[in-house]
Amino acid sequence: MSSEKISYLSKEIIKSLIKPRMADSHKGTYGHALLVAGNKGRMGAAVLSARACLRTGTGLLTVIIPEEERFILQTAIPEAMLLFREYKVMDLDKYSAIGIGPAIGLDTISSELMMDILHQYKKNILLDADALTILSQHRDLWDLLPKGLVITPHVKEFDRLFGESDNKAVRINKAIELSKQYPWVIVLKDHETLIVENGEAWISNTGNAGLAKGGSGDILSGMITALLAQRYSSFTAAKIGVHLHGVAADIALKEQSVESLLASDVVEKIGAAFKVIEN
């Protein structure tokens, strides 16, 4: 571990960070999130990420998907609006946060769409999954990354971006040092997830081994994007999102086993996780 202090998140800390929802608010109060997620044969990631985004409180949600897959989203999540990645994305300024990556693939259309967004949009962006792989393959894109960017790599994605680490302690130290070099929030997903910005490091020990399944990271991406859309700072959004994600998984485990727990079970417990924190 780093010789620098790493703090642990708690229910009390997260409660102090969550803004109250005002009785006289409306959907515009809570932002408009844009998710770029899913691809042919991989639309489950888009569904999970979008559902988690809505459950975490964004006022509006638009999802960019392949046009031929539109019926899946329109049926599974009627609350979400759709754009199609085959067409040029315009008017990004109306979105308060953009999350890119869950199962978008590494094809030319996905890479060019991500590049186009990074050229146009300089506000709240989260990159995950395939977006991180594209980033590792196109180092020229790094200059386009805005201050406050959130990246959410698992261990292999982190090593792909920043080079191999011999062990967990070395990787954690590297993440902390990199956070001083780059003006980003790094969410290093592992058994205990690290959230770090400018050398300030926090760990969340919520969650359980049931999260070791496909789809868990897609949920987290949607949750953090929703919080960014609600105008939380990048660091605060990451801390709240990671902790709530783990709490939701712990609640879901009461009805499942670590073997049977599904990512969709976790999404449905996000509301219960908010109640645990708030109460």
C-alpha atoms as a PDB file:
ATOM      1  CA  MET A   1       0.000   0.000   0.000  1.00  0.00           C
ATOM      2  CA  SER A   2       1.002   3.608  -0.396  1.00  0.00           C
ATOM      3  CA  SER A   3       2.687   5.326   2.494  1.00  0.00           C
ATOM      4  CA  GLU A   4       0.098   8.049   2.026  1.00  0.00           C
ATOM      5  CA  LYS A   5      -3.136   7.812   3.942  1.00  0.00           C
ATOM      6  CA  ILE A   6      -5.984   5.927   2.305  1.00  0.00           C
ATOM      7  CA  SER A   7      -9.363   6.593   3.915  1.00  0.00           C
ATOM      8  CA  TYR A   8     -12.373   4.292   4.048  1.00  0.00           C
ATOM      9  CA  LEU A   9     -15.811   5.448   2.987  1.00  0.00           C
ATOM     10  CA  SER A  10     -18.652   5.021   5.469  1.00  0.00           C
ATOM     11  CA  LYS A  11     -22.407   5.346   5.508  1.00  0.00           C
ATOM     12  CA  GLU A  12     -22.069   8.621   7.424  1.00  0.00           C
ATOM     13  CA  ILE A  13     -19.644  10.107   4.906  1.00  0.00           C
ATOM     14  CA  ILE A  14     -21.834   9.169   1.956  1.00  0.00           C
ATOM     15  CA  LYS A  15     -24.945  10.491   3.689  1.00  0.00           C
ATOM     16  CA  SER A  16     -23.211  13.848   4.155  1.00  0.00           C
ATOM     17  CA  LEU A  17     -22.451  13.994   0.416  1.00  0.00           C
ATOM     18  CA  ILE A  18     -25.933  13.200  -0.946  1.00  0.00           C
ATOM     19  CA  LYS A  19     -28.031  16.250  -1.786  1.00  0.00           C
ATOM     20  CA  PRO A  20     -31.677  16.208  -0.650  1.00  0.00           C
ATOM     21  CA  ARG A  21     -34.330  16.074  -3.385  1.00  0.00           C
ATOM     22  CA  MET A  22     -36.465  19.177  -3.123  1.00  0.00           C
ATOM     23  CA  ALA A  23     -40.249  18.879  -3.147  1.00  0.00           C
ATOM     24  CA  ASP A  24     -40.634  21.651  -5.735  1.00  0.00           C
ATOM     25  CA  SER A  25     -38.060  20.225  -8.159  1.00  0.00           C
ATOM     26  CA  HIS A  26     -38.728  18.866 -11.649  1.00  0.00           C
ATOM     27  CA  LYS A  27     -36.948  16.577 -14.120  1.00  0.00           C
ATOM     28  CA  GLY A  28     -34.787  19.421 -15.392  1.00  0.00           C
ATOM     29  CA  THR A  29     -33.433  19.920 -11.882  1.00  0.00           C
ATOM     30  CA  TYR A  30     -31.609  16.596 -12.005  1.00  0.00           C
ATOM     31  CA  GLY A  31     -29.827  16.802 -15.299  1.00  0.00           C
ATOM     32  CA  HIS A  32     -29.867  15.039 -18.646  1.00  0.00           C
ATOM     33  CA  ALA A  33     -27.480  12.106 -18.917  1.00  0.00           C
ATOM     34  CA  LEU A  34     -26.246  10.662 -22.198  1.00  0.00           C
ATOM     35  CA  LEU A  35     -25.016   7.060 -22.286  1.00  0.00           C
ATOM     36  CA  VAL A  36     -23.155   5.469 -25.177  1.00  0.00           C
ATOM     37  CA  ALA A  37     -23.595   1.765 -24.546  1.00  0.00           C
ATOM     38  CA  GLY A  38     -24.304  -1.578 -26.183  1.00  0.00           C
ATOM     39  CA  ASN A  39     -23.731  -3.035 -29.619  1.00  0.00           C
ATOM     40  CA  LYS A  40     -25.152  -5.828 -31.728  1.00  0.00           C
ATOM     41  CA  GLY A  41     -25.480  -8.909 -29.549  1.00  0.00           C
ATOM     42  CA  ARG A  42     -24.372  -6.956 -26.466  1.00  0.00           C
ATOM     43  CA  MET A  43     -27.392  -4.863 -25.593  1.00  0.00           C
ATOM     44  CA  GLY A  44     -27.650  -6.209 -22.061  1.00  0.00           C
ATOM     45  CA  ALA A  45     -24.899  -3.796 -21.018  1.00  0.00           C
ATOM     46  CA  ALA A  46     -26.904  -0.866 -22.372  1.00  0.00           C
ATOM     47  CA  VAL A  47     -30.043  -2.009 -20.553  1.00  0.00           C
ATOM     48  CA  LEU A  48     -28.230  -2.470 -17.233  1.00  0.00           C
ATOM     49  CA  SER A  49     -26.312   0.788 -17.462  1.00  0.00           C
ATOM     50  CA  ALA A  50     -29.376   2.785 -18.492  1.00  0.00           C
ATOM     51  CA  ARG A  51     -31.592   1.288 -15.811  1.00  0.00           C
ATOM     52  CA  ALA A  52     -28.957   1.974 -13.153  1.00  0.00           C
ATOM     53  CA  CYS A  53     -28.606   5.541 -14.393  1.00  0.00           C
ATOM     54  CA  LEU A  54     -32.320   6.174 -14.035  1.00  0.00           C
ATOM     55  CA  ARG A  55     -32.499   4.442 -10.650  1.00  0.00           C
ATOM     56  CA  THR A  56     -29.715   6.725  -9.401  1.00  0.00           C
ATOM     57  CA  GLY A  57     -31.764   9.810 -10.054  1.00  0.00           C
ATOM     58  CA  THR A  58     -30.965  11.486 -13.350  1.00  0.00           C
ATOM     59  CA  GLY A  59     -33.885  13.611 -14.515  1.00  0.00           C
ATOM     60  CA  LEU A  60     -33.584  12.621 -18.181  1.00  0.00           C
ATOM     61  CA  LEU A  61     -31.666   9.921 -20.003  1.00  0.00           C
ATOM     62  CA  THR A  62     -30.752   9.467 -23.654  1.00  0.00           C
ATOM     63  CA  VAL A  63     -28.905   6.364 -24.838  1.00  0.00           C
ATOM     64  CA  ILE A  64     -26.916   6.103 -28.072  1.00  0.00           C
ATOM     65  CA  ILE A  65     -27.253   2.593 -29.546  1.00  0.00           C
ATOM     66  CA  PRO A  66     -27.219   0.862 -32.960  1.00  0.00           C
ATOM     67  CA  GLU A  67     -30.498   1.648 -34.694  1.00  0.00           C
ATOM     68  CA  GLU A  68     -31.257  -2.009 -35.400  1.00  0.00           C
ATOM     69  CA  GLU A  69     -31.244  -2.714 -31.642  1.00  0.00           C
ATOM     70  CA  ARG A  70     -33.687   0.057 -30.723  1.00  0.00           C
ATOM     71  CA  PHE A  71     -36.595  -2.235 -29.869  1.00  0.00           C
ATOM     72  CA  ILE A  72     -34.650  -3.789 -26.997  1.00  0.00           C
ATOM     73  CA  LEU A  73     -34.160  -0.452 -25.252  1.00  0.00           C
ATOM     74  CA  GLN A  74     -37.596   0.889 -26.030  1.00  0.00           C
ATOM     75  CA  THR A  75     -39.174  -2.234 -24.571  1.00  0.00           C
ATOM     76  CA  ALA A  76     -36.868  -2.732 -21.591  1.00  0.00           C
ATOM     77  CA  ILE A  77     -36.570   0.935 -20.547  1.00  0.00           C
ATOM     78  CA  PRO A  78     -39.443   3.070 -21.825  1.00  0.00           C
ATOM     79  CA  GLU A  79     -38.200   5.968 -19.692  1.00  0.00           C
ATOM     80  CA  ALA A  80     -35.075   6.373 -21.839  1.00  0.00           C
ATOM     81  CA  MET A  81     -34.842   8.336 -25.079  1.00  0.00           C
ATOM     82  CA  LEU A  82     -32.732   7.024 -27.956  1.00  0.00           C
ATOM     83  CA  LEU A  83     -30.218   8.251 -30.499  1.00  0.00           C
ATOM     84  CA  PHE A  84     -28.580   6.062 -33.119  1.00  0.00           C
ATOM     85  CA  ARG A  85     -24.843   5.792 -33.475  1.00  0.00           C
ATOM     86  CA  GLU A  86     -24.961   5.494 -37.244  1.00  0.00           C
ATOM     87  CA  TYR A  87     -25.775   9.212 -37.447  1.00  0.00           C
ATOM     88  CA  LYS A  88     -23.612  12.143 -36.424  1.00  0.00           C
ATOM     89  CA  VAL A  89     -24.193  13.237 -32.850  1.00  0.00           C
ATOM     90  CA  MET A  90     -25.152  16.905 -32.588  1.00  0.00           C
ATOM     91  CA  ASP A  91     -26.063  19.387 -29.847  1.00  0.00           C
ATOM     92  CA  LEU A  92     -24.128  17.770 -27.018  1.00  0.00           C
ATOM     93  CA  ASP A  93     -24.378  20.918 -24.908  1.00  0.00           C
ATOM     94  CA  LYS A  94     -27.838  19.953 -23.682  1.00  0.00           C
ATOM     95  CA  TYR A  95     -26.409  16.991 -21.773  1.00  0.00           C
ATOM     96  CA  SER A  96     -25.096  17.537 -18.271  1.00  0.00           C
ATOM     97  CA  ALA A  97     -22.983  14.360 -18.306  1.00  0.00           C
ATOM     98  CA  ILE A  98     -21.915  11.684 -20.782  1.00  0.00           C
ATOM     99  CA  GLY A  99     -20.959   8.085 -19.991  1.00  0.00           C
ATOM    100  CA  ILE A 100     -19.217   6.111 -22.739  1.00  0.00           C
ATOM    101  CA  GLY A 101     -18.161   2.510 -22.958  1.00  0.00           C
ATOM    102  CA  PRO A 102     -20.271  -0.415 -21.738  1.00  0.00           C
ATOM    103  CA  ALA A 103     -20.121  -3.004 -24.548  1.00  0.00           C
ATOM    104  CA  ILE A 104     -19.843  -0.410 -27.337  1.00  0.00           C
ATOM    105  CA  GLY A 105     -17.310  -2.560 -29.164  1.00  0.00           C
ATOM    106  CA  LEU A 106     -14.035  -1.609 -30.797  1.00  0.00           C
ATOM    107  CA  ASP A 107     -15.314  -1.151 -34.342  1.00  0.00           C
ATOM    108  CA  THR A 108     -14.705   1.951 -36.430  1.00  0.00           C
ATOM    109  CA  ILE A 109     -18.150   3.448 -35.800  1.00  0.00           C
ATOM    110  CA  SER A 110     -17.723   3.186 -32.021  1.00  0.00           C
ATOM    111  CA  SER A 111     -14.200   4.602 -32.083  1.00  0.00           C
ATOM    112  CA  GLU A 112     -15.168   7.512 -34.310  1.00  0.00           C
ATOM    113  CA  LEU A 113     -18.250   8.272 -32.204  1.00  0.00           C
ATOM    114  CA  MET A 114     -16.138   8.411 -29.057  1.00  0.00           C
ATOM    115  CA  MET A 115     -13.574  10.602 -30.822  1.00  0.00           C
ATOM    116  CA  ASP A 116     -16.300  12.946 -32.036  1.00  0.00           C
ATOM    117  CA  ILE A 117     -17.756  13.307 -28.539  1.00  0.00           C
ATOM    118  CA  LEU A 118     -14.352  13.982 -26.991  1.00  0.00           C
ATOM    119  CA  HIS A 119     -13.702  16.700 -29.577  1.00  0.00           C
ATOM    120  CA  GLN A 120     -17.040  18.409 -28.909  1.00  0.00           C
ATOM    121  CA  TYR A 121     -17.791  17.910 -25.226  1.00  0.00           C
ATOM    122  CA  LYS A 122     -15.621  19.261 -22.396  1.00  0.00           C
ATOM    123  CA  LYS A 123     -17.847  18.854 -19.349  1.00  0.00           C
ATOM    124  CA  ASN A 124     -18.621  15.762 -17.254  1.00  0.00           C
ATOM    125  CA  ILE A 125     -17.457  12.561 -18.955  1.00  0.00           C
ATOM    126  CA  LEU A 126     -17.094   8.986 -17.707  1.00  0.00           C
ATOM    127  CA  LEU A 127     -15.151   6.384 -19.676  1.00  0.00           C
ATOM    128  CA  ASP A 128     -15.490   2.672 -18.978  1.00  0.00           C
ATOM    129  CA  ALA A 129     -15.003  -0.747 -20.544  1.00  0.00           C
ATOM    130  CA  ASP A 130     -14.539  -0.618 -24.341  1.00  0.00           C
ATOM    131  CA  ALA A 131     -13.991   3.151 -24.196  1.00  0.00           C
ATOM    132  CA  LEU A 132     -10.912   2.494 -22.050  1.00  0.00           C
ATOM    133  CA  THR A 133      -9.626  -0.051 -24.544  1.00  0.00           C
ATOM    134  CA  ILE A 134     -10.095   2.469 -27.364  1.00  0.00           C
ATOM    135  CA  LEU A 135      -8.240   4.998 -25.226  1.00  0.00           C
ATOM    136  CA  SER A 136      -5.354   2.571 -24.729  1.00  0.00           C
ATOM    137  CA  GLN A 137      -5.152   2.035 -28.508  1.00  0.00           C
ATOM    138  CA  HIS A 138      -5.345   5.729 -29.443  1.00  0.00           C
ATOM    139  CA  ARG A 139      -2.977   7.727 -27.262  1.00  0.00           C
ATOM    140  CA  ASP A 140      -3.678  10.790 -29.396  1.00  0.00           C
ATOM    141  CA  LEU A 141      -7.085  10.980 -27.704  1.00  0.00           C
ATOM    142  CA  TRP A 142      -5.537  11.644 -24.303  1.00  0.00           C
ATOM    143  CA  ASP A 143      -5.041  15.313 -25.124  1.00  0.00           C
ATOM    144  CA  LEU A 144      -8.809  15.635 -25.628  1.00  0.00           C
ATOM    145  CA  LEU A 145      -9.718  14.336 -22.171  1.00  0.00           C
ATOM    146  CA  PRO A 146     -11.305  17.039 -19.999  1.00  0.00           C
ATOM    147  CA  LYS A 147     -10.424  17.968 -16.461  1.00  0.00           C
ATOM    148  CA  GLY A 148     -12.622  16.019 -14.054  1.00  0.00           C
ATOM    149  CA  LEU A 149     -12.859  12.989 -16.329  1.00  0.00           C
ATOM    150  CA  VAL A 150     -13.893   9.803 -14.492  1.00  0.00           C
ATOM    151  CA  ILE A 151     -12.339   6.521 -15.621  1.00  0.00           C
ATOM    152  CA  THR A 152     -13.527   3.235 -14.120  1.00  0.00           C
ATOM    153  CA  PRO A 153     -11.055   0.506 -15.104  1.00  0.00           C
ATOM    154  CA  HIS A 154     -10.919  -2.972 -13.646  1.00  0.00           C
ATOM    155  CA  VAL A 155      -7.440  -4.355 -13.004  1.00  0.00           C
ATOM    156  CA  LYS A 156      -6.736  -5.541 -16.560  1.00  0.00           C
ATOM    157  CA  GLU A 157      -8.047  -2.332 -18.115  1.00  0.00           C
ATOM    158  CA  PHE A 158      -5.896  -0.290 -15.744  1.00  0.00           C
ATOM    159  CA  ASP A 159      -2.785  -2.271 -16.712  1.00  0.00           C
ATOM    160  CA  ARG A 160      -3.661  -1.907 -20.390  1.00  0.00           C
ATOM    161  CA  LEU A 161      -3.788   1.860 -19.984  1.00  0.00           C
ATOM    162  CA  PHE A 162      -0.847   2.419 -17.665  1.00  0.00           C
ATOM    163  CA  GLY A 163       1.384  -0.649 -17.919  1.00  0.00           C
ATOM    164  CA  GLU A 164       1.626  -3.891 -15.981  1.00  0.00           C
ATOM    165  CA  SER A 165       1.870  -3.837 -12.188  1.00  0.00           C
ATOM    166  CA  ASP A 166       3.496  -6.669 -10.239  1.00  0.00           C
ATOM    167  CA  ASN A 167       0.842  -6.782  -7.536  1.00  0.00           C
ATOM    168  CA  LYS A 168      -2.145  -5.001  -6.019  1.00  0.00           C
ATOM    169  CA  ALA A 169      -0.098  -2.693  -3.780  1.00  0.00           C
ATOM    170  CA  VAL A 170       2.023  -1.511  -6.707  1.00  0.00           C
ATOM    171  CA  ARG A 171      -1.096  -0.887  -8.773  1.00  0.00           C
ATOM    172  CA  ILE A 172      -2.710   1.163  -6.004  1.00  0.00           C
ATOM    173  CA  ASN A 173       0.412   3.254  -5.579  1.00  0.00           C
ATOM    174  CA  LYS A 174       0.528   3.795  -9.334  1.00  0.00           C
ATOM    175  CA  ALA A 175      -3.112   4.937  -9.405  1.00  0.00           C
ATOM    176  CA  ILE A 176      -2.437   7.448  -6.637  1.00  0.00           C
ATOM    177  CA  GLU A 177       0.622   8.843  -8.391  1.00  0.00           C
ATOM    178  CA  LEU A 178      -1.174   8.997 -11.750  1.00  0.00           C
ATOM    179  CA  SER A 179      -3.999  10.970 -10.140  1.00  0.00           C
ATOM    180  CA  LYS A 180      -1.448  13.688  -9.367  1.00  0.00           C
ATOM    181  CA  GLN A 181      -0.245  13.680 -12.955  1.00  0.00           C
ATOM    182  CA  TYR A 182      -3.646  13.695 -14.673  1.00  0.00           C
ATOM    183  CA  PRO A 183      -6.622  15.878 -13.613  1.00  0.00           C
ATOM    184  CA  TRP A 184      -8.934  12.864 -13.547  1.00  0.00           C
ATOM    185  CA  VAL A 185     -10.784  10.723 -11.049  1.00  0.00           C
ATOM    186  CA  ILE A 186      -9.579   7.124 -11.188  1.00  0.00           C
ATOM    187  CA  VAL A 187     -11.940   4.411  -9.973  1.00  0.00           C
ATOM    188  CA  LEU A 188      -9.843   1.245  -9.788  1.00  0.00           C
ATOM    189  CA  LYS A 189     -12.341  -1.596  -9.502  1.00  0.00           C
ATOM    190  CA  ASP A 190     -11.211  -4.523  -7.382  1.00  0.00           C
ATOM    191  CA  HIS A 191     -12.209  -6.494  -4.283  1.00  0.00           C
ATOM    192  CA  GLU A 192     -11.948  -3.153  -2.479  1.00  0.00           C
ATOM    193  CA  THR A 193     -12.460  -0.364  -5.006  1.00  0.00           C
ATOM    194  CA  LEU A 194     -10.116   2.619  -4.925  1.00  0.00           C
ATOM    195  CA  ILE A 195     -11.368   6.117  -5.751  1.00  0.00           C
ATOM    196  CA  VAL A 196      -8.590   8.690  -6.138  1.00  0.00           C
ATOM    197  CA  GLU A 197      -8.182  12.283  -7.277  1.00  0.00           C
ATOM    198  CA  ASN A 198      -5.034  14.402  -7.029  1.00  0.00           C
ATOM    199  CA  GLY A 199      -3.457  11.995  -4.550  1.00  0.00           C
ATOM    200  CA  GLU A 200      -6.483  11.846  -2.235  1.00  0.00           C
ATOM    201  CA  ALA A 201      -7.471   8.181  -1.986  1.00  0.00           C
ATOM    202  CA  TRP A 202     -10.587   6.513  -0.651  1.00  0.00           C
ATOM    203  CA  ILE A 203     -11.565   2.863  -0.540  1.00  0.00           C
ATOM    204  CA  SER A 204     -15.044   1.371  -0.395  1.00  0.00           C
ATOM    205  CA  ASN A 205     -15.328  -2.061   1.173  1.00  0.00           C
ATOM    206  CA  THR A 206     -19.026  -2.469   0.437  1.00  0.00           C
ATOM    207  CA  GLY A 207     -20.068  -5.182  -2.002  1.00  0.00           C
ATOM    208  CA  ASN A 208     -19.422  -8.896  -2.169  1.00  0.00           C
ATOM    209  CA  ALA A 209     -18.189 -11.703  -4.422  1.00  0.00           C
ATOM    210  CA  GLY A 210     -21.574 -11.821  -6.171  1.00  0.00           C
ATOM    211  CA  LEU A 211     -20.427  -8.752  -8.101  1.00  0.00           C
ATOM    212  CA  ALA A 212     -17.785 -10.872  -9.843  1.00  0.00           C
ATOM    213  CA  LYS A 213     -20.056 -11.236 -12.864  1.00  0.00           C
ATOM    214  CA  GLY A 214     -20.595  -9.545 -16.180  1.00  0.00           C
ATOM    215  CA  GLY A 215     -22.757  -6.447 -15.939  1.00  0.00           C
ATOM    216  CA  SER A 216     -21.612  -5.213 -12.539  1.00  0.00           C
ATOM    217  CA  GLY A 217     -19.325  -2.576 -14.029  1.00  0.00           C
ATOM    218  CA  ASP A 218     -22.033  -1.467 -16.470  1.00  0.00           C
ATOM    219  CA  ILE A 219     -24.266  -0.698 -13.503  1.00  0.00           C
ATOM    220  CA  LEU A 220     -21.572   1.338 -11.788  1.00  0.00           C
ATOM    221  CA  SER A 221     -20.994   3.357 -14.973  1.00  0.00           C
ATOM    222  CA  GLY A 222     -24.677   4.211 -15.161  1.00  0.00           C
ATOM    223  CA  MET A 223     -24.810   5.172 -11.498  1.00  0.00           C
ATOM    224  CA  ILE A 224     -21.819   7.508 -11.596  1.00  0.00           C
ATOM    225  CA  THR A 225     -23.022   9.076 -14.862  1.00  0.00           C
ATOM    226  CA  ALA A 226     -26.381   9.804 -13.208  1.00  0.00           C
ATOM    227  CA  LEU A 227     -24.643  11.534 -10.312  1.00  0.00           C
ATOM    228  CA  LEU A 228     -22.479  13.572 -12.675  1.00  0.00           C
ATOM    229  CA  ALA A 229     -25.658  14.610 -14.506  1.00  0.00           C
ATOM    230  CA  GLN A 230     -27.057  15.815 -11.169  1.00  0.00           C
ATOM    231  CA  ARG A 231     -24.040  18.131 -10.940  1.00  0.00           C
ATOM    232  CA  TYR A 232     -22.090  16.371  -8.267  1.00  0.00           C
ATOM    233  CA  SER A 233     -18.354  16.905  -8.639  1.00  0.00           C
ATOM    234  CA  SER A 234     -16.518  14.048 -10.336  1.00  0.00           C
ATOM    235  CA  PHE A 235     -14.840  12.902  -7.113  1.00  0.00           C
ATOM    236  CA  THR A 236     -18.055  13.058  -5.097  1.00  0.00           C
ATOM    237  CA  ALA A 237     -20.045  11.257  -7.818  1.00  0.00           C
ATOM    238  CA  ALA A 238     -17.464   8.478  -7.895  1.00  0.00           C
ATOM    239  CA  LYS A 239     -17.449   8.044  -4.118  1.00  0.00           C
ATOM    240  CA  ILE A 240     -21.232   7.980  -3.828  1.00  0.00           C
ATOM    241  CA  GLY A 241     -21.639   5.706  -6.858  1.00  0.00           C
ATOM    242  CA  VAL A 242     -19.076   3.132  -5.751  1.00  0.00           C
ATOM    243  CA  HIS A 243     -20.392   2.962  -2.196  1.00  0.00           C
ATOM    244  CA  LEU A 244     -24.072   2.772  -3.214  1.00  0.00           C
ATOM    245  CA  HIS A 245     -23.246   0.098  -5.793  1.00  0.00           C
ATOM    246  CA  GLY A 246     -21.725  -2.055  -3.067  1.00  0.00           C
ATOM    247  CA  VAL A 247     -24.554  -1.441  -0.616  1.00  0.00           C
ATOM    248  CA  ALA A 248     -27.107  -2.415  -3.277  1.00  0.00           C
ATOM    249  CA  ALA A 249     -25.176  -5.648  -3.888  1.00  0.00           C
ATOM    250  CA  ASP A 250     -25.085  -6.404  -0.167  1.00  0.00           C
ATOM    251  CA  ILE A 251     -28.852  -5.880   0.092  1.00  0.00           C
ATOM    252  CA  ALA A 252     -29.459  -8.065  -2.972  1.00  0.00           C
ATOM    253  CA  LEU A 253     -27.326 -10.826  -1.435  1.00  0.00           C
ATOM    254  CA  LYS A 254     -29.896 -11.231   1.337  1.00  0.00           C
ATOM    255  CA  GLU A 255     -32.196 -12.779  -1.273  1.00  0.00           C
ATOM    256  CA  GLN A 256     -29.522 -14.525  -3.352  1.00  0.00           C
ATOM    257  CA  SER A 257     -26.214 -16.345  -2.972  1.00  0.00           C
ATOM    258  CA  VAL A 258     -22.871 -15.120  -4.281  1.00  0.00           C
ATOM    259  CA  GLU A 259     -23.278 -17.734  -7.022  1.00  0.00           C
ATOM    260  CA  SER A 260     -26.780 -16.682  -8.064  1.00  0.00           C
ATOM    261  CA  LEU A 261     -26.545 -12.905  -7.705  1.00  0.00           C
ATOM    262  CA  LEU A 262     -27.158 -11.112 -11.016  1.00  0.00           C
ATOM    263  CA  ALA A 263     -26.336  -7.591 -12.043  1.00  0.00           C
ATOM    264  CA  SER A 264     -30.048  -6.972 -12.606  1.00  0.00           C
ATOM    265  CA  ASP A 265     -30.688  -7.963  -8.958  1.00  0.00           C
ATOM    266  CA  VAL A 266     -28.306  -5.195  -7.893  1.00  0.00           C
ATOM    267  CA  VAL A 267     -30.024  -2.557 -10.050  1.00  0.00           C
ATOM    268  CA  GLU A 268     -33.340  -3.285  -8.365  1.00  0.00           C
ATOM    269  CA  LYS A 269     -31.797  -2.647  -4.932  1.00  0.00           C
ATOM    270  CA  ILE A 270     -30.377   0.810  -5.701  1.00  0.00           C
ATOM    271  CA  GLY A 271     -33.440   2.435  -4.139  1.00  0.00           C
ATOM    272  CA  ALA A 272     -33.054   0.319  -1.010  1.00  0.00           C
ATOM    273  CA  ALA A 273     -29.381   1.316  -0.883  1.00  0.00           C
ATOM    274  CA  PHE A 274     -30.343   5.011  -0.882  1.00  0.00           C
ATOM    275  CA  LYS A 275     -32.746   4.312   1.997  1.00  0.00           C
ATOM    276  CA  VAL A 276     -30.035   2.517   4.006  1.00  0.00           C
ATOM    277  CA  ILE A 277     -27.739   5.526   3.596  1.00  0.00           C
ATOM    278  CA  GLU A 278     -30.428   8.112   4.282  1.00  0.00           C
ATOM    279  CA  ASN A 279     -31.805   6.324   7.364  1.00  0.00           C
END
